[in-house]
Structure formats: structure tokens, C-alpha cells
């Protein structure tokens, strides 16, 4: 299943959900998103930090606490920093992790404190 990153005319990116480990090499942006927030996630979006629009929702069923989602980008997609937005299953306010350097990681673990609204 592929997803088109909407909005930015400067580039087109397709995200592919996989069951295989992400990151074939250091130049790719592929990563595994791990939900360690303590809450179920209903929607996941990714966008370059400078973009005003988000990708399509990258999941078709909730990502429960402790579960992992592998996300791949087509070759040639580049941005130095990315933002990741999630929408909770229980309808809490959406949360954004900003300025993520996806080219430097293979696993992105989401931590969130609802009392302080702090992301890690």
C-alpha cells in the first residue's frame, strides 16, 4: 500500500508500509515508528518541517502502545528535518514531534507526557 505526501509541489514522496526492518542504507529516510506513548494512535502523518501540509494518514488501523510501524520513502525524497503528527484513538488533541532528522535514525520512539504535553 502506498501513500502520497500531499501539498508540496517541490517534491513527491510515496510512503510504503512494510513488515521488514527499515533503513537499507544511511541515505534513506526509512524508519520504524514505535508507539511508547501509553496511548493508542489512530492516525500518523509525516511532512517536511518547512511544509504546510501533511501526508495522507499512514495507518489503516490503530497503532497500540508498544506496536511498531515501518515507514519507507521512495528514492530521491529529501528534507533535512521532518515533523511527525499523531492523532489519538481517544480523541485527545493531536501531537507533533518537530524537527526530526530521519536521515540519522532508523527507529523513532514516540514518548509523550499528557500532563505536561511534553514529547520525547
PDB file of N, CA and C in Angstrom:
ATOM      1  N   UNK A   1       0.841  -1.158   0.000  1.00  0.00           N
ATOM      2  CA  UNK A   1       0.000   0.000   0.000  1.00  0.00           C
ATOM      3  C   UNK A   1       0.897   1.235   0.000  1.00  0.00           C
ATOM      4  N   UNK A   2       0.654   2.208  -0.863  1.00  0.00           N
ATOM      5  CA  UNK A   2       1.484   3.406  -0.941  1.00  0.00           C
ATOM      6  C   UNK A   2       0.653   4.635  -0.614  1.00  0.00           C
ATOM      7  N   UNK A   3       1.329   5.659  -0.078  1.00  0.00           N
ATOM      8  CA  UNK A   3       0.678   6.899   0.293  1.00  0.00           C
ATOM      9  C   UNK A   3       1.409   8.062  -0.345  1.00  0.00           C
ATOM     10  N   UNK A   4       0.679   9.023  -0.848  1.00  0.00           N
ATOM     11  CA  UNK A   4       1.261  10.199  -1.476  1.00  0.00           C
ATOM     12  C   UNK A   4       1.343  11.316  -0.457  1.00  0.00           C
ATOM     13  N   UNK A   5       2.504  11.918  -0.323  1.00  0.00           N
ATOM     14  CA  UNK A   5       2.675  13.068   0.543  1.00  0.00           C
ATOM     15  C   UNK A   5       2.103  14.262  -0.190  1.00  0.00           C
ATOM     16  N   UNK A   6       0.996  14.786   0.302  1.00  0.00           N
ATOM     17  CA  UNK A   6       0.261  15.841  -0.385  1.00  0.00           C
ATOM     18  C   UNK A   6       0.900  17.194  -0.137  1.00  0.00           C
ATOM     19  N   UNK A   7       0.558  18.135  -0.997  1.00  0.00           N
ATOM     20  CA  UNK A   7       0.878  19.523  -0.737  1.00  0.00           C
ATOM     21  C   UNK A   7       2.055  20.067  -1.481  1.00  0.00           C
ATOM     22  N   UNK A   8       3.240  19.749  -1.089  1.00  0.00           N
ATOM     23  CA  UNK A   8       4.446  20.374  -1.590  1.00  0.00           C
ATOM     24  C   UNK A   8       4.632  20.069  -3.075  1.00  0.00           C
ATOM     25  N   UNK A   9       4.616  21.090  -3.914  1.00  0.00           N
ATOM     26  CA  UNK A   9       4.842  20.885  -5.332  1.00  0.00           C
ATOM     27  C   UNK A   9       6.320  20.647  -5.638  1.00  0.00           C
ATOM     28  N   UNK A  10       7.187  20.994  -4.701  1.00  0.00           N
ATOM     29  CA  UNK A  10       8.617  20.851  -4.922  1.00  0.00           C
ATOM     30  C   UNK A  10       9.060  19.393  -4.943  1.00  0.00           C
ATOM     31  N   UNK A  11       8.255  18.511  -4.356  1.00  0.00           N
ATOM     32  CA  UNK A  11       8.643  17.111  -4.380  1.00  0.00           C
ATOM     33  C   UNK A  11       7.417  16.232  -4.249  1.00  0.00           C
ATOM     34  N   UNK A  12       7.552  14.989  -4.683  1.00  0.00           N
ATOM     35  CA  UNK A  12       6.527  13.973  -4.481  1.00  0.00           C
ATOM     36  C   UNK A  12       7.183  12.832  -3.737  1.00  0.00           C
ATOM     37  N   UNK A  13       6.530  12.351  -2.715  1.00  0.00           N
ATOM     38  CA  UNK A  13       7.075  11.245  -1.932  1.00  0.00           C
ATOM     39  C   UNK A  13       6.006  10.190  -1.739  1.00  0.00           C
ATOM     40  N   UNK A  14       6.404   8.950  -1.849  1.00  0.00           N
ATOM     41  CA  UNK A  14       5.498   7.855  -1.545  1.00  0.00           C
ATOM     42  C   UNK A  14       6.020   7.144  -0.308  1.00  0.00           C
ATOM     43  N   UNK A  15       5.104   6.855   0.607  1.00  0.00           N
ATOM     44  CA  UNK A  15       5.421   6.111   1.807  1.00  0.00           C
ATOM     45  C   UNK A  15       4.905   4.699   1.616  1.00  0.00           C
ATOM     46  N   UNK A  16       5.684   3.718   1.974  1.00  0.00           N
ATOM     47  CA  UNK A  16       5.260   2.339   1.877  1.00  0.00           C
ATOM     48  C   UNK A  16       5.318   1.721   3.261  1.00  0.00           C
ATOM     49  N   UNK A  17       4.216   1.143   3.699  1.00  0.00           N
ATOM     50  CA  UNK A  17       4.211   0.439   4.965  1.00  0.00           C
ATOM     51  C   UNK A  17       4.777  -0.944   4.720  1.00  0.00           C
ATOM     52  N   UNK A  18       5.687  -1.380   5.587  1.00  0.00           N
ATOM     53  CA  UNK A  18       6.386  -2.637   5.375  1.00  0.00           C
ATOM     54  C   UNK A  18       6.337  -3.497   6.627  1.00  0.00           C
ATOM     55  N   UNK A  19       6.578  -4.764   6.446  1.00  0.00           N
ATOM     56  CA  UNK A  19       6.744  -5.680   7.558  1.00  0.00           C
ATOM     57  C   UNK A  19       8.211  -6.037   7.745  1.00  0.00           C
ATOM     58  N   UNK A  20       9.098  -5.403   6.995  1.00  0.00           N
ATOM     59  CA  UNK A  20      10.521  -5.683   7.082  1.00  0.00           C
ATOM     60  C   UNK A  20      11.218  -4.526   7.776  1.00  0.00           C
ATOM     61  N   UNK A  21      12.391  -4.752   8.346  1.00  0.00           N
ATOM     62  CA  UNK A  21      13.093  -3.664   9.019  1.00  0.00           C
ATOM     63  C   UNK A  21      13.390  -2.509   8.070  1.00  0.00           C
ATOM     64  N   UNK A  22      13.276  -1.301   8.588  1.00  0.00           N
ATOM     65  CA  UNK A  22      13.531  -0.110   7.786  1.00  0.00           C
ATOM     66  C   UNK A  22      15.031   0.134   7.672  1.00  0.00           C
ATOM     67  N   UNK A  23      15.415   0.997   6.743  1.00  0.00           N
ATOM     68  CA  UNK A  23      16.753   1.525   6.537  1.00  0.00           C
ATOM     69  C   UNK A  23      17.652   0.545   5.818  1.00  0.00           C
ATOM     70  N   UNK A  24      17.689   0.677   4.529  1.00  0.00           N
ATOM     71  CA  UNK A  24      18.603  -0.139   3.732  1.00  0.00           C
ATOM     72  C   UNK A  24      19.991   0.478   3.725  1.00  0.00           C
ATOM     73  N   UNK A  25      20.089   1.811   3.784  1.00  0.00           N
ATOM     74  CA  UNK A  25      21.376   2.493   3.829  1.00  0.00           C
ATOM     75  C   UNK A  25      21.195   3.834   4.523  1.00  0.00           C
ATOM     76  N   UNK A  26      22.305   4.524   4.786  1.00  0.00           N
ATOM     77  CA  UNK A  26      22.249   5.765   5.553  1.00  0.00           C
ATOM     78  C   UNK A  26      21.643   6.930   4.794  1.00  0.00           C
ATOM     79  N   UNK A  27      21.529   6.849   3.457  1.00  0.00           N
ATOM     80  CA  UNK A  27      20.981   7.952   2.686  1.00  0.00           C
ATOM     81  C   UNK A  27      19.459   7.969   2.667  1.00  0.00           C
ATOM     82  N   UNK A  28      18.852   6.900   3.073  1.00  0.00           N
ATOM     83  CA  UNK A  28      17.395   6.804   3.035  1.00  0.00           C
ATOM     84  C   UNK A  28      16.773   7.375   4.304  1.00  0.00           C
ATOM     85  N   UNK A  29      15.527   7.756   4.188  1.00  0.00           N
ATOM     86  CA  UNK A  29      14.784   8.306   5.310  1.00  0.00           C
ATOM     87  C   UNK A  29      13.926   7.257   6.013  1.00  0.00           C
ATOM     88  N   UNK A  30      13.957   6.012   5.541  1.00  0.00           N
ATOM     89  CA  UNK A  30      13.126   4.959   6.122  1.00  0.00           C
ATOM     90  C   UNK A  30      13.358   4.859   7.626  1.00  0.00           C
ATOM     91  N   UNK A  31      12.278   4.580   8.359  1.00  0.00           N
ATOM     92  CA  UNK A  31      12.417   4.432   9.801  1.00  0.00           C
ATOM     93  C   UNK A  31      11.272   3.602  10.362  1.00  0.00           C
ATOM     94  N   UNK A  32      11.481   3.096  11.561  1.00  0.00           N
ATOM     95  CA  UNK A  32      10.446   2.400  12.308  1.00  0.00           C
ATOM     96  C   UNK A  32       9.918   3.355  13.365  1.00  0.00           C
ATOM     97  N   UNK A  33       8.609   3.509  13.412  1.00  0.00           N
ATOM     98  CA  UNK A  33       7.954   4.373  14.393  1.00  0.00           C
ATOM     99  C   UNK A  33       7.409   3.474  15.495  1.00  0.00           C
ATOM    100  N   UNK A  34       7.880   3.672  16.715  1.00  0.00           N
ATOM    101  CA  UNK A  34       7.487   2.831  17.842  1.00  0.00           C
ATOM    102  C   UNK A  34       6.610   3.647  18.789  1.00  0.00           C
ATOM    103  N   UNK A  35       5.417   3.148  19.070  1.00  0.00           N
ATOM    104  CA  UNK A  35       4.491   3.831  19.974  1.00  0.00           C
ATOM    105  C   UNK A  35       4.786   3.414  21.411  1.00  0.00           C
ATOM    106  N   UNK A  36       5.422   4.295  22.152  1.00  0.00           N
ATOM    107  CA  UNK A  36       5.668   4.102  23.585  1.00  0.00           C
ATOM    108  C   UNK A  36       5.034   5.251  24.371  1.00  0.00           C
ATOM    109  N   UNK A  37       3.905   5.744  23.867  1.00  0.00           N
ATOM    110  CA  UNK A  37       3.218   6.878  24.497  1.00  0.00           C
ATOM    111  C   UNK A  37       2.328   6.465  25.655  1.00  0.00           C
ATOM    112  N   UNK A  38       1.928   5.200  25.679  1.00  0.00           N
ATOM    113  CA  UNK A  38       0.973   4.751  26.686  1.00  0.00           C
ATOM    114  C   UNK A  38      -0.461   4.850  26.194  1.00  0.00           C
ATOM    115  N   UNK A  39      -0.649   5.304  24.948  1.00  0.00           N
ATOM    116  CA  UNK A  39      -1.986   5.520  24.387  1.00  0.00           C
ATOM    117  C   UNK A  39      -2.046   4.957  22.966  1.00  0.00           C
ATOM    118  N   UNK A  40      -3.241   4.602  22.532  1.00  0.00           N
ATOM    119  CA  UNK A  40      -3.429   4.165  21.161  1.00  0.00           C
ATOM    120  C   UNK A  40      -3.397   5.352  20.201  1.00  0.00           C
ATOM    121  N   UNK A  41      -2.810   5.122  19.027  1.00  0.00           N
ATOM    122  CA  UNK A  41      -2.713   6.161  17.997  1.00  0.00           C
ATOM    123  C   UNK A  41      -3.633   5.769  16.844  1.00  0.00           C
ATOM    124  N   UNK A  42      -4.489   6.700  16.438  1.00  0.00           N
ATOM    125  CA  UNK A  42      -5.462   6.437  15.379  1.00  0.00           C
ATOM    126  C   UNK A  42      -4.966   6.878  14.005  1.00  0.00           C
ATOM    127  N   UNK A  43      -4.117   7.918  13.956  1.00  0.00           N
ATOM    128  CA  UNK A  43      -3.628   8.449  12.687  1.00  0.00           C
ATOM    129  C   UNK A  43      -2.174   8.880  12.839  1.00  0.00           C
ATOM    130  N   UNK A  44      -1.398   8.696  11.759  1.00  0.00           N
ATOM    131  CA  UNK A  44       0.013   9.111  11.712  1.00  0.00           C
ATOM    132  C   UNK A  44       0.230   9.874  10.417  1.00  0.00           C
ATOM    133  N   UNK A  45       0.866  11.047  10.508  1.00  0.00           N
ATOM    134  CA  UNK A  45       1.170  11.885   9.350  1.00  0.00           C
ATOM    135  C   UNK A  45       2.635  12.297   9.414  1.00  0.00           C
ATOM    136  N   UNK A  46       3.262  12.473   8.252  1.00  0.00           N
ATOM    137  CA  UNK A  46       4.650  12.914   8.161  1.00  0.00           C
ATOM    138  C   UNK A  46       4.725  14.026   7.124  1.00  0.00           C
ATOM    139  N   UNK A  47       5.583  15.025   7.396  1.00  0.00           N
ATOM    140  CA  UNK A  47       5.782  16.119   6.440  1.00  0.00           C
ATOM    141  C   UNK A  47       7.143  16.745   6.661  1.00  0.00           C
ATOM    142  N   UNK A  48       7.737  17.280   5.589  1.00  0.00           N
ATOM    143  CA  UNK A  48       8.977  18.052   5.785  1.00  0.00           C
ATOM    144  C   UNK A  48       8.688  19.207   6.740  1.00  0.00           C
ATOM    145  N   UNK A  49       9.659  19.551   7.561  1.00  0.00           N
ATOM    146  CA  UNK A  49       9.452  20.590   8.565  1.00  0.00           C
ATOM    147  C   UNK A  49       8.984  21.910   7.955  1.00  0.00           C
ATOM    148  N   UNK A  50       9.421  22.245   6.771  1.00  0.00           N
ATOM    149  CA  UNK A  50       9.059  23.525   6.151  1.00  0.00           C
ATOM    150  C   UNK A  50       7.709  23.485   5.440  1.00  0.00           C
ATOM    151  N   UNK A  51       7.043  22.331   5.419  1.00  0.00           N
ATOM    152  CA  UNK A  51       5.787  22.176   4.693  1.00  0.00           C
ATOM    153  C   UNK A  51       4.586  22.613   5.526  1.00  0.00           C
ATOM    154  N   UNK A  52       3.556  23.094   4.830  1.00  0.00           N
ATOM    155  CA  UNK A  52       2.308  23.461   5.490  1.00  0.00           C
ATOM    156  C   UNK A  52       1.262  22.351   5.392  1.00  0.00           C
ATOM    157  N   UNK A  53       1.572  21.277   4.691  1.00  0.00           N
ATOM    158  CA  UNK A  53       0.615  20.184   4.514  1.00  0.00           C
ATOM    159  C   UNK A  53       1.233  18.862   4.958  1.00  0.00           C
ATOM    160  N   UNK A  54       0.368  17.926   5.317  1.00  0.00           N
ATOM    161  CA  UNK A  54       0.774  16.623   5.817  1.00  0.00           C
ATOM    162  C   UNK A  54       0.533  15.544   4.774  1.00  0.00           C
ATOM    163  N   UNK A  55       1.214  14.424   4.928  1.00  0.00           N
ATOM    164  CA  UNK A  55       0.956  13.241   4.119  1.00  0.00           C
ATOM    165  C   UNK A  55      -0.461  12.762   4.397  1.00  0.00           C
ATOM    166  N   UNK A  56      -0.913  11.784   3.640  1.00  0.00           N
ATOM    167  CA  UNK A  56      -2.137  11.075   3.991  1.00  0.00           C
ATOM    168  C   UNK A  56      -1.872  10.305   5.278  1.00  0.00           C
ATOM    169  N   UNK A  57      -2.940   9.899   5.961  1.00  0.00           N
ATOM    170  CA  UNK A  57      -2.807   9.059   7.144  1.00  0.00           C
ATOM    171  C   UNK A  57      -2.082   7.776   6.746  1.00  0.00           C
ATOM    172  N   UNK A  58      -1.035   7.408   7.487  1.00  0.00           N
ATOM    173  CA  UNK A  58      -0.191   6.277   7.132  1.00  0.00           C
ATOM    174  C   UNK A  58      -0.627   4.953   7.747  1.00  0.00           C
ATOM    175  N   UNK A  59      -1.689   4.950   8.543  1.00  0.00           N
ATOM    176  CA  UNK A  59      -2.136   3.683   9.131  1.00  0.00           C
ATOM    177  C   UNK A  59      -3.616   3.451   8.841  1.00  0.00           C
ATOM    178  N   UNK A  60      -3.973   2.183   8.724  1.00  0.00           N
ATOM    179  CA  UNK A  60      -5.359   1.821   8.445  1.00  0.00           C
ATOM    180  C   UNK A  60      -6.070   1.280   9.678  1.00  0.00           C
ATOM    181  N   UNK A  61      -5.299   0.957  10.712  1.00  0.00           N
ATOM    182  CA  UNK A  61      -5.882   0.513  11.975  1.00  0.00           C
ATOM    183  C   UNK A  61      -5.046   1.115  13.094  1.00  0.00           C
ATOM    184  N   UNK A  62      -5.612   1.249  14.289  1.00  0.00           N
ATOM    185  CA  UNK A  62      -4.872   1.894  15.384  1.00  0.00           C
ATOM    186  C   UNK A  62      -3.528   1.229  15.675  1.00  0.00           C
ATOM    187  N   UNK A  63      -2.563   2.072  16.003  1.00  0.00           N
ATOM    188  CA  UNK A  63      -1.237   1.624  16.431  1.00  0.00           C
ATOM    189  C   UNK A  63      -1.248   1.660  17.956  1.00  0.00           C
ATOM    190  N   UNK A  64      -1.359   0.503  18.553  1.00  0.00           N
ATOM    191  CA  UNK A  64      -1.478   0.427  20.007  1.00  0.00           C
ATOM    192  C   UNK A  64      -0.126   0.663  20.676  1.00  0.00           C
ATOM    193  N   UNK A  65      -0.169   0.997  21.964  1.00  0.00           N
ATOM    194  CA  UNK A  65       1.058   1.199  22.719  1.00  0.00           C
ATOM    195  C   UNK A  65       1.928  -0.053  22.617  1.00  0.00           C
ATOM    196  N   UNK A  66       3.210   0.135  22.304  1.00  0.00           N
ATOM    197  CA  UNK A  66       4.145  -0.969  22.163  1.00  0.00           C
ATOM    198  C   UNK A  66       4.288  -1.488  20.746  1.00  0.00           C
ATOM    199  N   UNK A  67       3.395  -1.100  19.849  1.00  0.00           N
ATOM    200  CA  UNK A  67       3.467  -1.562  18.465  1.00  0.00           C
ATOM    201  C   UNK A  67       4.393  -0.676  17.638  1.00  0.00           C
ATOM    202  N   UNK A  68       4.865  -1.242  16.506  1.00  0.00           N
ATOM    203  CA  UNK A  68       5.803  -0.560  15.616  1.00  0.00           C
ATOM    204  C   UNK A  68       5.222  -0.474  14.219  1.00  0.00           C
ATOM    205  N   UNK A  69       5.451   0.656  13.556  1.00  0.00           N
ATOM    206  CA  UNK A  69       5.060   0.869  12.167  1.00  0.00           C
ATOM    207  C   UNK A  69       6.318   1.190  11.378  1.00  0.00           C
ATOM    208  N   UNK A  70       6.603   0.428  10.317  1.00  0.00           N
ATOM    209  CA  UNK A  70       7.759   0.693   9.457  1.00  0.00           C
ATOM    210  C   UNK A  70       7.313   1.585   8.306  1.00  0.00           C
ATOM    211  N   UNK A  71       8.029   2.677   8.094  1.00  0.00           N
ATOM    212  CA  UNK A  71       7.693   3.653   7.057  1.00  0.00           C
ATOM    213  C   UNK A  71       8.881   3.797   6.118  1.00  0.00           C
ATOM    214  N   UNK A  72       8.622   3.690   4.807  1.00  0.00           N
ATOM    215  CA  UNK A  72       9.666   3.835   3.792  1.00  0.00           C
ATOM    216  C   UNK A  72       9.310   4.959   2.837  1.00  0.00           C
ATOM    217  N   UNK A  73      10.330   5.616   2.325  1.00  0.00           N
ATOM    218  CA  UNK A  73      10.182   6.687   1.346  1.00  0.00           C
ATOM    219  C   UNK A  73      10.755   6.192   0.022  1.00  0.00           C
ATOM    220  N   UNK A  74      10.219   6.653  -1.080  1.00  0.00           N
ATOM    221  CA  UNK A  74      10.818   6.356  -2.375  1.00  0.00           C
ATOM    222  C   UNK A  74      12.168   7.046  -2.480  1.00  0.00           C
ATOM    223  N   UNK A  75      13.016   6.540  -3.357  1.00  0.00           N
ATOM    224  CA  UNK A  75      14.325   7.141  -3.600  1.00  0.00           C
ATOM    225  C   UNK A  75      14.148   8.601  -4.028  1.00  0.00           C
ATOM    226  N   UNK A  76      15.106   9.433  -3.658  1.00  0.00           N
ATOM    227  CA  UNK A  76      15.104  10.815  -4.111  1.00  0.00           C
ATOM    228  C   UNK A  76      14.354  11.784  -3.221  1.00  0.00           C
ATOM    229  N   UNK A  77      13.612  11.298  -2.239  1.00  0.00           N
ATOM    230  CA  UNK A  77      12.892  12.184  -1.326  1.00  0.00           C
ATOM    231  C   UNK A  77      13.889  12.715  -0.314  1.00  0.00           C
ATOM    232  N   UNK A  78      13.945  14.049  -0.186  1.00  0.00           N
ATOM    233  CA  UNK A  78      14.933  14.637   0.716  1.00  0.00           C
ATOM    234  C   UNK A  78      14.344  15.827   1.446  1.00  0.00           C
ATOM    235  N   UNK A  79      14.682  15.949   2.674  1.00  0.00           N
ATOM    236  CA  UNK A  79      14.445  17.120   3.517  1.00  0.00           C
ATOM    237  C   UNK A  79      15.324  16.907   4.741  1.00  0.00           C
ATOM    238  N   UNK A  80      15.899  17.964   5.262  1.00  0.00           N
ATOM    239  CA  UNK A  80      16.799  17.830   6.399  1.00  0.00           C
ATOM    240  C   UNK A  80      16.050  17.464   7.676  1.00  0.00           C
ATOM    241  N   UNK A  81      14.874  18.065   7.856  1.00  0.00           N
ATOM    242  CA  UNK A  81      14.099  17.837   9.074  1.00  0.00           C
ATOM    243  C   UNK A  81      12.650  17.546   8.710  1.00  0.00           C
ATOM    244  N   UNK A  82      12.045  16.679   9.506  1.00  0.00           N
ATOM    245  CA  UNK A  82      10.668  16.246   9.278  1.00  0.00           C
ATOM    246  C   UNK A  82       9.859  16.412  10.550  1.00  0.00           C
ATOM    247  N   UNK A  83       8.555  16.557  10.390  1.00  0.00           N
ATOM    248  CA  UNK A  83       7.632  16.587  11.514  1.00  0.00           C
ATOM    249  C   UNK A  83       6.749  15.343  11.430  1.00  0.00           C
ATOM    250  N   UNK A  84       6.388  14.815  12.591  1.00  0.00           N
ATOM    251  CA  UNK A  84       5.514  13.649  12.680  1.00  0.00           C
ATOM    252  C   UNK A  84       4.324  14.053  13.548  1.00  0.00           C
ATOM    253  N   UNK A  85       3.127  13.901  12.998  1.00  0.00           N
ATOM    254  CA  UNK A  85       1.907  14.249  13.740  1.00  0.00           C
ATOM    255  C   UNK A  85       1.101  12.987  13.985  1.00  0.00           C
ATOM    256  N   UNK A  86       0.601  12.857  15.206  1.00  0.00           N
ATOM    257  CA  UNK A  86      -0.265  11.726  15.522  1.00  0.00           C
ATOM    258  C   UNK A  86      -1.592  12.237  16.078  1.00  0.00           C
ATOM    259  N   UNK A  87      -2.629  11.430  15.849  1.00  0.00           N
ATOM    260  CA  UNK A  87      -3.963  11.690  16.384  1.00  0.00           C
ATOM    261  C   UNK A  87      -4.304  10.491  17.252  1.00  0.00           C
ATOM    262  N   UNK A  88      -4.746  10.762  18.459  1.00  0.00           N
ATOM    263  CA  UNK A  88      -5.025   9.710  19.436  1.00  0.00           C
ATOM    264  C   UNK A  88      -6.325   8.972  19.138  1.00  0.00           C
ATOM    265  N   UNK A  89      -6.391   7.725  19.550  1.00  0.00           N
ATOM    266  CA  UNK A  89      -7.614   6.930  19.469  1.00  0.00           C
ATOM    267  C   UNK A  89      -8.703   7.555  20.343  1.00  0.00           C
ATOM    268  N   UNK A  90      -8.326   8.048  21.527  1.00  0.00           N
ATOM    269  CA  UNK A  90      -9.304   8.570  22.482  1.00  0.00           C
ATOM    270  C   UNK A  90      -9.645  10.043  22.267  1.00  0.00           C
ATOM    271  N   UNK A  91      -9.308  10.579  21.114  1.00  0.00           N
ATOM    272  CA  UNK A  91      -9.682  11.929  20.715  1.00  0.00           C
ATOM    273  C   UNK A  91      -9.011  13.047  21.505  1.00  0.00           C
ATOM    274  N   UNK A  92      -7.878  12.781  22.140  1.00  0.00           N
ATOM    275  CA  UNK A  92      -7.099  13.856  22.734  1.00  0.00           C
ATOM    276  C   UNK A  92      -6.567  14.752  21.614  1.00  0.00           C
ATOM    277  N   UNK A  93      -6.056  15.919  21.954  1.00  0.00           N
ATOM    278  CA  UNK A  93      -5.536  16.846  20.944  1.00  0.00           C
ATOM    279  C   UNK A  93      -4.368  16.210  20.191  1.00  0.00           C
ATOM    280  N   UNK A  94      -4.293  16.392  18.857  1.00  0.00           N
ATOM    281  CA  UNK A  94      -3.152  15.863  18.088  1.00  0.00           C
ATOM    282  C   UNK A  94      -1.836  16.407  18.637  1.00  0.00           C
ATOM    283  N   UNK A  95      -0.763  15.631  18.449  1.00  0.00           N
ATOM    284  CA  UNK A  95       0.554  15.999  18.938  1.00  0.00           C
ATOM    285  C   UNK A  95       1.544  15.918  17.786  1.00  0.00           C
ATOM    286  N   UNK A  96       2.497  16.861  17.761  1.00  0.00           N
ATOM    287  CA  UNK A  96       3.501  16.903  16.700  1.00  0.00           C
ATOM    288  C   UNK A  96       4.904  16.818  17.305  1.00  0.00           C
ATOM    289  N   UNK A  97       5.696  15.907  16.754  1.00  0.00           N
ATOM    290  CA  UNK A  97       7.128  15.842  17.053  1.00  0.00           C
ATOM    291  C   UNK A  97       7.807  16.609  15.931  1.00  0.00           C
ATOM    292  N   UNK A  98       8.528  17.680  16.261  1.00  0.00           N
ATOM    293  CA  UNK A  98       9.094  18.578  15.248  1.00  0.00           C
ATOM    294  C   UNK A  98      10.600  18.391  15.080  1.00  0.00           C
ATOM    295  N   UNK A  99      11.065  18.777  13.888  1.00  0.00           N
ATOM    296  CA  UNK A  99      12.494  18.821  13.572  1.00  0.00           C
ATOM    297  C   UNK A  99      13.194  17.469  13.702  1.00  0.00           C
ATOM    298  N   UNK A 100      12.542  16.419  13.255  1.00  0.00           N
ATOM    299  CA  UNK A 100      13.116  15.073  13.339  1.00  0.00           C
ATOM    300  C   UNK A 100      14.085  14.858  12.180  1.00  0.00           C
ATOM    301  N   UNK A 101      15.312  14.483  12.487  1.00  0.00           N
ATOM    302  CA  UNK A 101      16.323  14.208  11.461  1.00  0.00           C
ATOM    303  C   UNK A 101      16.253  12.731  11.093  1.00  0.00           C
ATOM    304  N   UNK A 102      15.306  12.387  10.233  1.00  0.00           N
ATOM    305  CA  UNK A 102      15.056  10.995   9.887  1.00  0.00           C
ATOM    306  C   UNK A 102      16.235  10.337   9.193  1.00  0.00           C
ATOM    307  N   UNK A 103      17.079  11.117   8.524  1.00  0.00           N
ATOM    308  CA  UNK A 103      18.241  10.536   7.840  1.00  0.00           C
ATOM    309  C   UNK A 103      19.280  10.013   8.821  1.00  0.00           C
ATOM    310  N   UNK A 104      19.170  10.389  10.091  1.00  0.00           N
ATOM    311  CA  UNK A 104      20.147   9.985  11.092  1.00  0.00           C
ATOM    312  C   UNK A 104      19.658   8.875  12.005  1.00  0.00           C
ATOM    313  N   UNK A 105      18.446   8.395  11.797  1.00  0.00           N
ATOM    314  CA  UNK A 105      17.899   7.367  12.677  1.00  0.00           C
ATOM    315  C   UNK A 105      17.283   6.226  11.875  1.00  0.00           C
ATOM    316  N   UNK A 106      17.088   5.106  12.511  1.00  0.00           N
ATOM    317  CA  UNK A 106      16.347   4.005  11.898  1.00  0.00           C
ATOM    318  C   UNK A 106      15.118   3.661  12.732  1.00  0.00           C
ATOM    319  N   UNK A 107      15.100   4.113  13.987  1.00  0.00           N
ATOM    320  CA  UNK A 107      13.961   3.863  14.861  1.00  0.00           C
ATOM    321  C   UNK A 107      13.618   5.159  15.587  1.00  0.00           C
ATOM    322  N   UNK A 108      12.338   5.551  15.513  1.00  0.00           N
ATOM    323  CA  UNK A 108      11.864   6.747  16.195  1.00  0.00           C
ATOM    324  C   UNK A 108      10.848   6.306  17.238  1.00  0.00           C
ATOM    325  N   UNK A 109      11.192   6.460  18.512  1.00  0.00           N
ATOM    326  CA  UNK A 109      10.323   6.009  19.605  1.00  0.00           C
ATOM    327  C   UNK A 109       9.550   7.207  20.132  1.00  0.00           C
ATOM    328  N   UNK A 110       8.229   7.114  20.031  1.00  0.00           N
ATOM    329  CA  UNK A 110       7.360   8.185  20.497  1.00  0.00           C
ATOM    330  C   UNK A 110       7.104   8.043  21.990  1.00  0.00           C
ATOM    331  N   UNK A 111       7.469   9.079  22.744  1.00  0.00           N
ATOM    332  CA  UNK A 111       7.146   9.183  24.166  1.00  0.00           C
ATOM    333  C   UNK A 111       6.338  10.459  24.337  1.00  0.00           C
ATOM    334  N   UNK A 112       5.348  10.422  25.220  1.00  0.00           N
ATOM    335  CA  UNK A 112       4.512  11.602  25.417  1.00  0.00           C
ATOM    336  C   UNK A 112       3.990  11.640  26.842  1.00  0.00           C
ATOM    337  N   UNK A 113       4.040  12.828  27.446  1.00  0.00           N
ATOM    338  CA  UNK A 113       3.505  13.044  28.780  1.00  0.00           C
ATOM    339  C   UNK A 113       2.294  13.960  28.654  1.00  0.00           C
ATOM    340  N   UNK A 114       1.106  13.426  28.846  1.00  0.00           N
ATOM    341  CA  UNK A 114      -0.114  14.225  28.689  1.00  0.00           C
ATOM    342  C   UNK A 114      -0.233  15.317  29.739  1.00  0.00           C
ATOM    343  N   UNK A 115       0.322  15.098  30.922  1.00  0.00           N
ATOM    344  CA  UNK A 115       0.230  16.109  31.980  1.00  0.00           C
ATOM    345  C   UNK A 115       0.995  17.374  31.620  1.00  0.00           C
ATOM    346  N   UNK A 116       2.146  17.222  30.961  1.00  0.00           N
ATOM    347  CA  UNK A 116       2.977  18.374  30.609  1.00  0.00           C
ATOM    348  C   UNK A 116       2.954  18.695  29.118  1.00  0.00           C
ATOM    349  N   UNK A 117       2.311  17.825  28.322  1.00  0.00           N
ATOM    350  CA  UNK A 117       2.287  17.935  26.858  1.00  0.00           C
ATOM    351  C   UNK A 117       3.685  17.887  26.269  1.00  0.00           C
ATOM    352  N   UNK A 118       4.591  17.191  26.948  1.00  0.00           N
ATOM    353  CA  UNK A 118       5.985  17.079  26.504  1.00  0.00           C
ATOM    354  C   UNK A 118       6.164  15.856  25.633  1.00  0.00           C
ATOM    355  N   UNK A 119       6.795  16.080  24.455  1.00  0.00           N
ATOM    356  CA  UNK A 119       7.145  14.981  23.567  1.00  0.00           C
ATOM    357  C   UNK A 119       8.614  14.667  23.727  1.00  0.00           C
ATOM    358  N   UNK A 120       8.973  13.404  23.475  1.00  0.00           N
ATOM    359  CA  UNK A 120      10.381  12.993  23.522  1.00  0.00           C
ATOM    360  C   UNK A 120      10.615  12.034  22.387  1.00  0.00           C
TER     361      UNK A 120
END
